[in-house]
Amino acid sequence: MDQLENLLSNHPWLRTAEHAVAALAIGYVAKKVLFEGDSLKDKATRLALAAVKATPGGQALIKKEQAHMLDEMENAMKVPDQHKLYSLPEKGLDRDEVMSLLKEWRGREEKFNAGKAFGGIYCDDEEHHKFLDQVYVLYSDSNALFPAIFPGLRKFEAEVVRFACTLLSGDEDTCGTMTCGGTESIMMVCKAYRERARDLHGITAPEMVVPQSAHPAFAKGAKYFGLKLVLVPVDQETFTVSPAAIKAAMNANTVMVVVSAPTFPQGVIDPVPAVAAITEAAGVPLHVDCCLGGFLLPWLRRLGHVTKQFDFAVPGVTSISSDIHKYGFGPKGTSTVLYRNADYRQYQYFTFTEWSGGLYCSPSATGSRPGGLIAAAWAGLVTMGADGFMANAQIIHEQMQVIKSGLRAIPELRLLGDADAACISYAARNPSALNIFMVADAIEKRGYTCNRLQKPECIQLQVGVRRSFSAAQYVKDVAAAVAEVIADPSKFADGTAPMYGMAATMPDRSIVGDLMVGFMDRMLNV
């Protein structure tokens, strides 16, 4: 597959000075572009691509290449479908027929059913899931927007929030709300701190300081709520953020700072106490993203496997996001956002007093909130209990240790950081000798799914509680995949490696962004 970096060499006419528009584009962007990028090669490539994009012929070539990549991505994602529907049937379908079709599509989840993929599902306890299903059905028609009508939902949500506060070293003042997921939890924090800074400090050009390893939901929150996103690079050995770098990025407009426990890319815990000391001295709120670790790290701490501090026990931590639907083993669409006290939480709320329909208020972004999810989250937590969570945390820890030690024994690979929990990332020790994305293709041939990451290029594995998943076998299969790629890399030349490699290294990120938009468009087509 042709890569975009080769467009210029394949079409030399684009280089000529006869293209006046390209020349003007170079003059316009040169001053900006030459001071961006990590290397001279990146700068030169970005400048050349800017010239290409400024010409009609160059735009057409880029669009053609993007369409080719999108075709490959779509073909890799979609499966044959003989029952496509483009409009509602005039007569309702038979329920048994529909149920049969639903079961057929669940049966197509071959990689997950084989026990070699997590896919955002962190527990495969069949009895646990059946119980959650029963609870959801019982409350499926209830709505937390109306607590007076559904009093049980108010109880369940309040207790779930209190469970999370207690787990994360909160006191009687610690409080929060449930949300539909980690992204909403994070975005609510962005909204709250923007409002707080404007109300208390008159800040109208708010900024948030965020490590590059933090979840993209912070970038989404910045985009939605008009905050400037100040990204801070992480250390390339530990893959944690430097407190000194955080401090250097802060200024009078900083309304919040973010750290993770652990990070999604490498599963490492940022130095929360050191960063908290900086933010507390500056009077700036500090949010700890525990979406992954909120219902895992406390149990690992109790077991003695984690000693780093990360929660409300650290002075200066003002809020935490913690997902129930990850290591809380709850239904998809359940998370919590917690605050040191109600003075912070009040800025998350929305109230409107002038509606002709009456007084309106909501604690989070959504209005109607499915009661089935709230009830099932509560039921799952109380039936799992501390003993169940401790047992599962031990299983996860043991699997992590097997995988970490096994990957360290593969000479061609290196671990990225020393993962504390949840995730492990590994890269090629010598990227010029081994394409890690080819290794990912070879691993997927063996039935697994691979998360392909960038900055740096690597493979990431999330570890959950899957009794059918063998950590030892995974390590053996990774070693076999590495050997297969080394023996004959040409076998994987037409796989996804070129596409992922281009996406990870393309200096002009707008081209990659266009691909992502096109991909979402394709996925939403029938």
Protein backbone atom coordinates (compact mmCIF):
# COMPACT_ATOMS: atom_id res chain seq x y z
CA MET A 1 0.00 0.00 0.00
CA ASP A 2 1.34 3.39 -0.99
CA GLN A 3 1.98 5.70 1.91
CA LEU A 4 1.31 9.39 1.89
CA GLU A 5 4.97 10.18 2.49
CA ASN A 6 5.71 8.82 -1.01
CA LEU A 7 3.29 11.10 -2.84
CA LEU A 8 5.93 13.65 -3.70
CA SER A 9 8.45 11.19 -5.08
CA ASN A 10 5.77 9.38 -7.09
CA HIS A 11 4.48 12.62 -8.59
CA PRO A 12 7.45 14.93 -9.20
CA TRP A 13 5.31 17.52 -10.96
CA LEU A 14 4.12 18.58 -7.54
CA ARG A 15 7.63 19.83 -6.76
CA THR A 16 7.94 22.29 -9.58
CA ALA A 17 7.96 26.01 -9.07
CA GLU A 18 5.30 26.36 -11.74
CA HIS A 19 2.67 25.70 -9.09
CA ALA A 20 2.23 29.21 -7.85
CA VAL A 21 -0.35 28.24 -5.26
CA ALA A 22 2.05 25.77 -3.72
CA ALA A 23 4.76 28.40 -3.62
CA LEU A 24 2.45 30.83 -1.88
CA ALA A 25 1.47 28.11 0.57
CA ILE A 26 5.11 27.43 1.38
CA GLY A 27 5.71 31.07 2.07
CA TYR A 28 2.65 31.26 4.25
CA VAL A 29 3.35 28.22 6.41
CA ALA A 30 7.15 28.06 6.44
CA LYS A 31 7.66 30.32 9.42
CA LYS A 32 5.17 28.33 11.49
CA VAL A 33 6.03 24.85 10.26
CA LEU A 34 9.79 25.03 10.58
CA PHE A 35 9.46 25.49 14.29
CA GLU A 36 7.18 22.48 14.79
CA GLY A 37 7.84 18.74 14.90
CA ASP A 38 10.35 16.52 16.59
CA SER A 39 12.93 16.27 13.84
CA LEU A 40 14.20 18.01 10.72
CA LYS A 41 12.65 15.21 8.65
CA ASP A 42 9.25 15.89 10.24
CA LYS A 43 9.56 19.60 9.56
CA ALA A 44 10.55 19.07 5.96
CA THR A 45 7.79 16.52 5.37
CA ARG A 46 5.18 18.76 6.95
CA LEU A 47 6.28 21.68 4.80
CA ALA A 48 6.20 19.59 1.64
CA LEU A 49 2.76 18.20 2.46
CA ALA A 50 1.46 21.70 3.07
CA ALA A 51 2.54 22.57 -0.46
CA VAL A 52 0.91 19.43 -1.85
CA LYS A 53 -2.37 20.14 -0.06
CA ALA A 54 -2.41 23.66 -1.49
CA THR A 55 -2.67 22.36 -5.07
CA PRO A 56 -5.82 20.84 -6.61
CA GLY A 57 -3.82 17.90 -7.93
CA GLY A 58 -2.21 17.28 -4.55
CA GLN A 59 -5.54 17.42 -2.75
CA ALA A 60 -6.99 14.90 -5.16
CA LEU A 61 -4.07 12.51 -4.63
CA ILE A 62 -4.36 12.73 -0.85
CA LYS A 63 -8.09 12.13 -1.00
CA LYS A 64 -7.55 9.13 -3.29
CA GLU A 65 -5.04 7.62 -0.88
CA GLN A 66 -7.31 8.32 2.08
CA ALA A 67 -10.21 6.61 0.30
CA HIS A 68 -8.01 3.57 -0.34
CA MET A 69 -7.08 3.40 3.35
CA LEU A 70 -10.70 3.83 4.39
CA ASP A 71 -11.71 0.96 2.13
CA GLU A 72 -9.16 -1.27 3.85
CA MET A 73 -10.29 -0.15 7.31
CA GLU A 74 -13.94 -0.74 6.45
CA ASN A 75 -13.24 -4.17 5.01
CA ALA A 76 -11.35 -5.11 8.17
CA MET A 77 -14.21 -4.01 10.43
CA LYS A 78 -17.39 -5.08 8.67
CA VAL A 79 -18.67 -8.63 8.38
CA PRO A 80 -21.18 -10.06 5.90
CA ASP A 81 -24.77 -9.06 6.65
CA GLN A 82 -27.68 -10.67 4.85
CA HIS A 83 -30.37 -8.88 6.85
CA LYS A 84 -29.73 -5.17 6.35
CA LEU A 85 -32.59 -2.85 7.21
CA TYR A 86 -32.87 0.67 5.79
CA SER A 87 -36.27 1.55 7.22
CA LEU A 88 -38.65 0.26 9.85
CA PRO A 89 -40.60 -2.80 8.68
CA GLU A 90 -44.24 -2.02 7.88
CA LYS A 91 -45.21 -4.93 10.07
CA GLY A 92 -43.29 -5.61 13.25
CA LEU A 93 -40.96 -8.60 13.09
CA ASP A 94 -41.60 -11.72 15.08
CA ARG A 95 -39.89 -11.47 18.48
CA ASP A 96 -38.44 -14.96 18.28
CA GLU A 97 -37.00 -14.11 14.87
CA VAL A 98 -35.43 -10.93 16.22
CA MET A 99 -34.00 -12.75 19.24
CA SER A 100 -32.51 -15.35 16.95
CA LEU A 101 -30.85 -12.60 14.91
CA LEU A 102 -29.48 -10.94 18.03
CA LYS A 103 -27.98 -14.21 19.22
CA GLU A 104 -26.46 -14.78 15.80
CA TRP A 105 -24.63 -11.44 15.99
CA ARG A 106 -23.36 -12.15 19.49
CA GLY A 107 -22.12 -15.48 18.20
CA ARG A 108 -19.97 -13.65 15.64
CA GLU A 109 -17.79 -12.24 18.43
CA GLU A 110 -15.29 -15.00 17.74
CA LYS A 111 -12.22 -13.43 19.33
CA PHE A 112 -14.01 -12.52 22.51
CA ASN A 113 -15.76 -15.88 22.75
CA ALA A 114 -12.40 -17.62 22.34
CA GLY A 115 -11.14 -15.88 25.48
CA LYS A 116 -8.37 -14.02 23.67
CA ALA A 117 -9.84 -10.53 23.70
CA PHE A 118 -11.06 -8.16 26.38
CA GLY A 119 -12.85 -5.57 24.24
CA GLY A 120 -13.72 -3.41 27.21
CA ILE A 121 -15.27 -6.38 29.04
CA TYR A 122 -13.36 -6.88 32.28
CA CYS A 123 -15.04 -9.92 33.78
CA ASP A 124 -16.43 -13.10 32.21
CA ASP A 125 -18.27 -14.42 35.27
CA GLU A 126 -21.41 -15.72 33.59
CA GLU A 127 -23.47 -15.89 36.79
CA HIS A 128 -22.51 -12.30 37.66
CA HIS A 129 -23.63 -11.06 34.24
CA LYS A 130 -26.88 -13.00 34.39
CA PHE A 131 -27.65 -11.41 37.74
CA LEU A 132 -26.92 -7.90 36.40
CA ASP A 133 -29.23 -8.63 33.45
CA GLN A 134 -32.05 -9.59 35.82
CA VAL A 135 -31.63 -6.42 37.85
CA TYR A 136 -31.56 -4.27 34.72
CA VAL A 137 -34.78 -5.81 33.42
CA LEU A 138 -36.45 -5.15 36.78
CA TYR A 139 -35.62 -1.42 36.53
CA SER A 140 -35.46 -1.02 32.74
CA ASP A 141 -38.43 1.37 32.58
CA SER A 142 -37.29 3.60 35.46
CA ASN A 143 -35.70 7.03 35.12
CA ALA A 144 -33.40 8.69 37.65
CA LEU A 145 -34.62 12.10 36.43
CA PHE A 146 -37.65 11.48 38.65
CA PRO A 147 -36.35 10.47 42.10
CA ALA A 148 -39.74 11.06 43.74
CA ILE A 149 -41.31 8.48 41.43
CA PHE A 150 -38.42 6.02 41.65
CA PRO A 151 -37.10 6.36 45.23
CA GLY A 152 -34.97 3.24 44.96
CA LEU A 153 -32.80 4.86 42.31
CA ARG A 154 -31.98 7.77 44.61
CA LYS A 155 -30.88 5.30 47.29
CA PHE A 156 -28.82 3.22 44.85
CA GLU A 157 -27.00 6.18 43.33
CA ALA A 158 -26.23 7.78 46.68
CA GLU A 159 -24.85 4.53 48.04
CA VAL A 160 -22.79 3.77 44.92
CA VAL A 161 -21.19 7.21 45.17
CA ARG A 162 -20.51 6.65 48.87
CA PHE A 163 -18.95 3.25 48.11
CA ALA A 164 -16.57 4.92 45.65
CA CYS A 165 -15.74 7.75 48.05
CA THR A 166 -14.89 5.30 50.83
CA LEU A 167 -12.77 3.13 48.56
CA LEU A 168 -10.77 6.17 47.46
CA SER A 169 -10.02 7.44 50.98
CA GLY A 170 -12.75 10.07 51.10
CA ASP A 171 -14.24 11.45 54.30
CA GLU A 172 -17.76 12.54 55.27
CA ASP A 173 -17.45 15.64 53.05
CA THR A 174 -16.39 13.74 49.93
CA CYS A 175 -19.25 13.54 47.44
CA GLY A 176 -20.06 13.01 43.77
CA THR A 177 -22.52 11.72 41.21
CA MET A 178 -22.93 8.79 38.88
CA THR A 179 -22.49 9.30 35.13
CA CYS A 180 -22.88 7.24 31.98
CA GLY A 181 -19.15 6.56 31.66
CA GLY A 182 -15.63 7.83 32.13
CA THR A 183 -15.89 10.37 29.34
CA GLU A 184 -18.92 12.04 30.92
CA SER A 185 -17.23 11.97 34.34
CA ILE A 186 -14.16 13.68 32.92
CA MET A 187 -16.13 16.21 30.91
CA MET A 188 -18.20 17.11 33.96
CA VAL A 189 -14.97 17.89 35.84
CA CYS A 190 -13.84 20.14 32.98
CA LYS A 191 -17.16 21.96 33.11
CA ALA A 192 -17.10 22.27 36.90
CA TYR A 193 -13.60 23.71 37.09
CA ARG A 194 -14.26 26.13 34.24
CA GLU A 195 -17.34 27.43 36.05
CA ARG A 196 -15.55 27.58 39.39
CA ALA A 197 -12.60 29.56 38.02
CA ARG A 198 -14.90 32.04 36.33
CA ASP A 199 -17.03 32.45 39.44
CA LEU A 200 -14.26 32.67 42.06
CA HIS A 201 -11.35 34.11 40.09
CA GLY A 202 -12.86 35.81 37.05
CA ILE A 203 -10.88 33.63 34.63
CA THR A 204 -12.36 33.95 31.15
CA ALA A 205 -9.58 32.25 29.15
CA PRO A 206 -9.31 28.96 31.09
CA GLU A 207 -6.51 26.46 30.55
CA MET A 208 -6.06 22.88 31.67
CA VAL A 209 -2.66 21.19 32.06
CA VAL A 210 -2.83 17.57 30.94
CA PRO A 211 -0.15 14.89 30.44
CA GLN A 212 0.04 13.48 26.92
CA SER A 213 -0.81 10.07 28.38
CA ALA A 214 -4.15 11.25 29.81
CA HIS A 215 -7.39 10.01 28.27
CA PRO A 216 -8.67 11.88 25.17
CA ALA A 217 -11.85 12.70 27.10
CA PHE A 218 -9.92 15.64 28.57
CA ALA A 219 -9.27 16.93 25.05
CA LYS A 220 -12.95 16.44 24.29
CA GLY A 221 -13.90 18.32 27.46
CA ALA A 222 -11.56 21.15 26.49
CA LYS A 223 -13.13 21.27 23.02
CA TYR A 224 -16.71 21.18 24.27
CA PHE A 225 -16.30 23.69 27.10
CA GLY A 226 -13.81 26.11 25.60
CA LEU A 227 -10.70 25.38 27.65
CA LYS A 228 -7.22 25.61 26.22
CA LEU A 229 -5.57 22.19 26.34
CA VAL A 230 -1.93 22.42 27.46
CA LEU A 231 -0.30 19.04 26.79
CA VAL A 232 2.75 18.01 28.80
CA PRO A 233 5.01 15.21 27.48
CA VAL A 234 5.75 12.22 29.69
CA ASP A 235 9.14 10.76 30.56
CA GLN A 236 10.18 8.24 27.89
CA GLU A 237 11.56 5.78 30.44
CA THR A 238 8.94 5.79 33.20
CA PHE A 239 6.09 7.11 31.01
CA THR A 240 4.85 9.16 33.95
CA VAL A 241 4.55 12.93 33.91
CA SER A 242 7.21 15.10 35.49
CA PRO A 243 5.97 17.36 38.32
CA ALA A 244 8.48 20.00 37.16
CA ALA A 245 6.98 19.89 33.66
CA ILE A 246 3.49 20.30 35.11
CA LYS A 247 4.62 23.31 37.13
CA ALA A 248 6.29 24.90 34.10
CA ALA A 249 3.08 24.55 32.08
CA MET A 250 0.88 26.27 34.66
CA ASN A 251 0.01 29.96 34.62
CA ALA A 252 -2.56 32.41 35.96
CA ASN A 253 -5.24 30.97 33.64
CA THR A 254 -4.78 27.35 34.74
CA VAL A 255 -8.10 26.15 36.15
CA MET A 256 -7.25 22.45 36.55
CA VAL A 257 -4.40 19.96 36.35
CA VAL A 258 -4.75 16.27 35.50
CA VAL A 259 -2.86 13.11 36.47
CA SER A 260 -3.80 9.44 35.97
CA ALA A 261 -3.85 6.38 38.21
CA PRO A 262 -3.08 4.46 36.16
CA THR A 263 -2.62 5.74 32.61
CA PHE A 264 -4.38 3.93 29.80
CA PRO A 265 -1.36 3.67 27.47
CA GLN A 266 1.14 2.12 29.90
CA GLY A 267 -0.74 1.32 33.10
CA VAL A 268 1.57 3.44 35.29
CA ILE A 269 0.55 5.70 38.15
CA ASP A 270 1.59 9.34 37.80
CA PRO A 271 3.41 10.92 40.78
CA VAL A 272 0.21 12.19 42.40
CA PRO A 273 1.65 13.48 45.73
CA ALA A 274 4.40 15.50 44.04
CA VAL A 275 1.99 17.09 41.56
CA ALA A 276 -0.59 17.69 44.29
CA ALA A 277 1.96 19.63 46.33
CA ILE A 278 2.46 21.95 43.36
CA THR A 279 -1.21 22.46 42.57
CA GLU A 280 -2.23 22.93 46.20
CA ALA A 281 0.41 25.60 46.69
CA ALA A 282 -0.91 27.37 43.59
CA GLY A 283 -4.55 26.99 44.59
CA VAL A 284 -5.36 25.01 41.44
CA PRO A 285 -7.68 21.95 41.51
CA LEU A 286 -6.07 18.58 40.78
CA HIS A 287 -8.09 15.83 39.12
CA VAL A 288 -6.94 12.22 39.30
CA ASP A 289 -8.32 10.09 36.48
CA CYS A 290 -8.96 6.72 38.13
CA CYS A 291 -11.40 5.55 35.48
CA LEU A 292 -9.27 2.44 35.07
CA GLY A 293 -7.99 2.11 38.61
CA GLY A 294 -10.76 3.34 40.88
CA PHE A 295 -12.20 -0.10 41.56
CA LEU A 296 -8.88 -1.95 41.22
CA LEU A 297 -6.06 0.01 42.87
CA PRO A 298 -7.70 0.14 46.34
CA TRP A 299 -7.85 -3.65 46.43
CA LEU A 300 -4.29 -4.02 45.12
CA ARG A 301 -3.25 -1.61 47.86
CA ARG A 302 -5.02 -3.69 50.47
CA LEU A 303 -3.26 -6.78 49.12
CA GLY A 304 0.09 -5.01 49.37
CA HIS A 305 0.76 -4.94 45.62
CA VAL A 306 0.48 -1.15 45.24
CA THR A 307 2.14 1.31 47.60
CA LYS A 308 1.94 4.52 45.58
CA GLN A 309 -0.52 7.16 46.79
CA PHE A 310 -3.16 8.23 44.28
CA ASP A 311 -6.48 9.20 45.89
CA PHE A 312 -8.13 11.55 48.43
CA ALA A 313 -5.57 10.48 51.02
CA VAL A 314 -3.26 12.88 49.17
CA PRO A 315 -3.80 16.52 50.21
CA GLY A 316 -4.48 18.63 47.15
CA VAL A 317 -6.44 16.02 45.21
CA THR A 318 -9.80 17.70 44.62
CA SER A 319 -11.60 15.26 42.32
CA ILE A 320 -11.44 11.70 40.99
CA SER A 321 -13.17 9.88 38.12
CA SER A 322 -13.76 6.17 38.67
CA ASP A 323 -15.61 3.81 36.33
CA ILE A 324 -17.86 1.09 37.66
CA HIS A 325 -18.15 -0.57 34.26
CA LYS A 326 -14.44 -1.36 34.21
CA TYR A 327 -12.96 -3.04 37.27
CA GLY A 328 -16.16 -2.44 39.23
CA PHE A 329 -17.54 -5.14 36.91
CA GLY A 330 -20.77 -3.20 36.46
CA PRO A 331 -23.00 -2.76 33.40
CA LYS A 332 -21.71 -0.66 30.52
CA GLY A 333 -22.63 2.97 30.99
CA THR A 334 -21.82 3.40 34.71
CA SER A 335 -19.15 5.62 36.23
CA THR A 336 -18.66 8.02 39.13
CA VAL A 337 -17.16 11.48 39.45
CA LEU A 338 -16.12 12.41 42.98
CA TYR A 339 -15.16 15.70 44.63
CA ARG A 340 -13.32 16.62 47.82
CA ASN A 341 -16.45 18.44 48.99
CA ALA A 342 -19.73 19.90 47.77
CA ASP A 343 -18.15 23.30 47.12
CA TYR A 344 -16.49 21.75 44.05
CA ARG A 345 -19.41 19.55 43.04
CA GLN A 346 -21.93 22.40 42.85
CA TYR A 347 -20.24 23.72 39.71
CA GLN A 348 -21.01 20.47 37.90
CA TYR A 349 -24.76 20.89 38.30
CA PHE A 350 -27.06 22.53 35.78
CA THR A 351 -30.11 24.52 36.85
CA PHE A 352 -32.62 26.53 34.84
CA THR A 353 -35.31 28.59 36.58
CA GLU A 354 -37.02 30.28 33.61
CA TRP A 355 -38.49 27.33 31.68
CA SER A 356 -42.25 27.48 31.13
CA GLY A 357 -42.27 23.75 31.83
CA GLY A 358 -41.19 24.31 35.42
CA LEU A 359 -37.94 24.36 37.37
CA TYR A 360 -35.25 22.16 35.83
CA CYS A 361 -32.03 20.77 37.28
CA SER A 362 -29.73 17.85 36.54
CA PRO A 363 -26.54 16.67 38.24
CA SER A 364 -24.67 15.74 35.06
CA ALA A 365 -24.83 16.08 31.26
CA THR A 366 -27.79 13.80 30.69
CA GLY A 367 -31.38 14.53 31.60
CA SER A 368 -33.14 11.19 31.60
CA ARG A 369 -30.89 8.56 33.13
CA PRO A 370 -31.60 4.82 32.79
CA GLY A 371 -32.52 3.42 36.17
CA GLY A 372 -31.63 -0.09 35.10
CA LEU A 373 -27.95 0.85 34.92
CA ILE A 374 -27.94 2.53 38.32
CA ALA A 375 -29.72 -0.38 39.97
CA ALA A 376 -27.50 -2.98 38.30
CA ALA A 377 -24.34 -1.07 39.27
CA TRP A 378 -25.44 -1.01 42.92
CA ALA A 379 -26.48 -4.68 42.87
CA GLY A 380 -23.23 -5.76 41.24
CA LEU A 381 -21.09 -3.96 43.81
CA VAL A 382 -22.91 -5.23 46.88
CA THR A 383 -23.04 -8.83 45.66
CA MET A 384 -19.38 -8.84 44.63
CA GLY A 385 -18.38 -7.51 48.04
CA ALA A 386 -14.89 -6.80 49.29
CA ASP A 387 -14.03 -10.50 49.23
CA GLY A 388 -14.96 -10.85 45.56
CA PHE A 389 -13.06 -7.74 44.54
CA MET A 390 -9.98 -8.85 46.48
CA ALA A 391 -10.01 -12.26 44.78
CA ASN A 392 -10.35 -10.72 41.33
CA ALA A 393 -7.63 -8.15 42.02
CA GLN A 394 -5.27 -10.96 42.97
CA ILE A 395 -6.02 -12.79 39.73
CA ILE A 396 -5.33 -9.65 37.71
CA HIS A 397 -2.09 -8.97 39.57
CA GLU A 398 -0.81 -12.50 39.02
CA GLN A 399 -1.63 -12.35 35.32
CA MET A 400 0.15 -8.98 35.05
CA GLN A 401 3.30 -10.41 36.64
CA VAL A 402 3.35 -13.41 34.30
CA ILE A 403 2.96 -11.20 31.25
CA LYS A 404 5.53 -8.62 32.37
CA SER A 405 8.20 -11.19 33.18
CA GLY A 406 7.45 -13.14 30.02
CA LEU A 407 7.69 -10.11 27.74
CA ARG A 408 10.93 -9.01 29.39
CA ALA A 409 12.38 -12.38 28.39
CA ILE A 410 11.76 -11.72 24.68
CA PRO A 411 14.99 -9.99 23.59
CA GLU A 412 13.44 -8.12 20.65
CA LEU A 413 10.87 -6.37 22.88
CA ARG A 414 10.95 -3.87 25.72
CA LEU A 415 8.29 -2.89 28.21
CA LEU A 416 7.27 0.75 28.28
CA GLY A 417 7.44 1.72 31.93
CA ASP A 418 6.83 -0.60 34.85
CA ALA A 419 3.07 -1.09 34.73
CA ASP A 420 1.34 -0.77 38.10
CA ALA A 421 -2.06 -2.13 37.11
CA ALA A 422 -4.63 -2.75 34.40
CA CYS A 423 -2.49 -2.31 31.24
CA ILE A 424 0.86 -3.36 29.81
CA SER A 425 2.57 -1.83 26.77
CA TYR A 426 5.54 -3.12 24.85
CA ALA A 427 7.54 -1.95 21.84
CA ALA A 428 10.32 -3.15 19.57
CA ARG A 429 13.71 -2.75 21.18
CA ASN A 430 15.07 -1.84 17.76
CA PRO A 431 12.24 -0.37 15.65
CA SER A 432 14.39 -0.34 12.52
CA ALA A 433 14.83 -4.12 12.79
CA LEU A 434 11.32 -5.05 13.92
CA ASN A 435 8.03 -3.42 12.95
CA ILE A 436 5.86 -3.67 16.07
CA PHE A 437 2.67 -3.21 14.07
CA MET A 438 3.59 -6.27 11.97
CA VAL A 439 3.95 -8.11 15.27
CA ALA A 440 0.44 -6.92 16.14
CA ASP A 441 -0.87 -8.38 12.87
CA ALA A 442 0.89 -11.67 13.65
CA ILE A 443 -0.59 -11.74 17.15
CA GLU A 444 -4.08 -11.16 15.78
CA LYS A 445 -3.57 -14.12 13.44
CA ARG A 446 -3.44 -16.16 16.64
CA GLY A 447 -6.89 -15.01 17.69
CA TYR A 448 -6.13 -12.02 19.92
CA THR A 449 -7.00 -8.37 19.56
CA CYS A 450 -4.22 -5.79 19.77
CA ASN A 451 -4.43 -2.17 20.81
CA ARG A 452 -1.94 -0.33 18.59
CA LEU A 453 -0.61 2.81 20.28
CA GLN A 454 1.60 5.69 19.22
CA LYS A 455 4.12 8.11 20.73
CA PRO A 456 5.91 5.68 20.80
CA GLU A 457 4.60 2.94 18.53
CA CYS A 458 3.71 -0.04 20.68
CA ILE A 459 1.19 -2.75 21.53
CA GLN A 460 -1.00 -2.46 24.61
CA LEU A 461 -2.85 -5.19 26.47
CA GLN A 462 -5.55 -4.61 29.08
CA VAL A 463 -5.76 -7.35 31.69
CA GLY A 464 -9.10 -8.29 33.19
CA VAL A 465 -10.65 -11.30 34.86
CA ARG A 466 -11.10 -13.84 32.10
CA ARG A 467 -10.83 -17.40 33.32
CA SER A 468 -10.42 -18.53 29.71
CA PHE A 469 -7.43 -16.19 29.16
CA SER A 470 -3.99 -17.70 29.75
CA ALA A 471 -1.26 -15.17 30.49
CA ALA A 472 1.45 -17.78 29.92
CA GLN A 473 0.01 -18.76 26.55
CA TYR A 474 -0.27 -15.11 25.55
CA VAL A 475 3.46 -14.63 26.16
CA LYS A 476 4.27 -17.74 24.10
CA ASP A 477 2.10 -16.49 21.26
CA VAL A 478 3.75 -13.06 21.33
CA ALA A 479 7.18 -14.70 21.13
CA ALA A 480 6.01 -16.82 18.19
CA ALA A 481 4.60 -13.73 16.47
CA VAL A 482 7.91 -11.89 16.86
CA ALA A 483 9.80 -14.85 15.41
CA GLU A 484 7.40 -15.09 12.48
CA VAL A 485 7.80 -11.42 11.58
CA ILE A 486 11.59 -11.60 11.84
CA ALA A 487 11.68 -14.72 9.67
CA ASP A 488 9.56 -13.23 6.87
CA PRO A 489 8.32 -9.66 7.27
CA SER A 490 6.99 -9.68 3.71
CA LYS A 491 4.11 -11.86 4.93
CA PHE A 492 2.73 -8.82 6.72
CA ALA A 493 3.54 -6.15 4.17
CA ASP A 494 -0.10 -5.92 3.08
CA GLY A 495 -1.58 -6.04 6.57
CA THR A 496 -2.54 -3.13 8.80
CA ALA A 497 1.05 -2.29 9.75
CA PRO A 498 1.62 0.25 6.93
CA MET A 499 -1.62 2.03 7.74
CA TYR A 500 -0.99 2.20 11.49
CA GLY A 501 2.63 3.14 10.87
CA MET A 502 1.58 6.03 8.68
CA ALA A 503 -1.00 7.20 11.22
CA ALA A 504 1.56 7.14 14.02
CA THR A 505 4.33 8.97 12.18
CA MET A 506 2.56 11.35 9.77
CA PRO A 507 3.78 14.86 10.71
CA ASP A 508 0.66 16.54 9.32
CA ARG A 509 -1.87 15.37 11.91
CA SER A 510 -4.77 16.96 10.00
CA ILE A 511 -4.45 14.20 7.40
CA VAL A 512 -4.76 11.58 10.14
CA GLY A 513 -7.71 13.49 11.61
CA ASP A 514 -9.44 13.45 8.23
CA LEU A 515 -8.95 9.67 8.10
CA MET A 516 -10.55 9.31 11.53
CA VAL A 517 -13.57 11.37 10.46
CA GLY A 518 -13.89 9.27 7.32
CA PHE A 519 -13.64 6.07 9.37
CA MET A 520 -16.47 7.13 11.67
CA ASP A 521 -18.58 8.03 8.64
CA ARG A 522 -18.00 4.58 7.18
CA MET A 523 -18.81 2.82 10.46
CA LEU A 524 -22.15 4.65 10.70
CA ASN A 525 -23.25 3.52 7.25
CA VAL A 526 -25.65 0.57 7.02
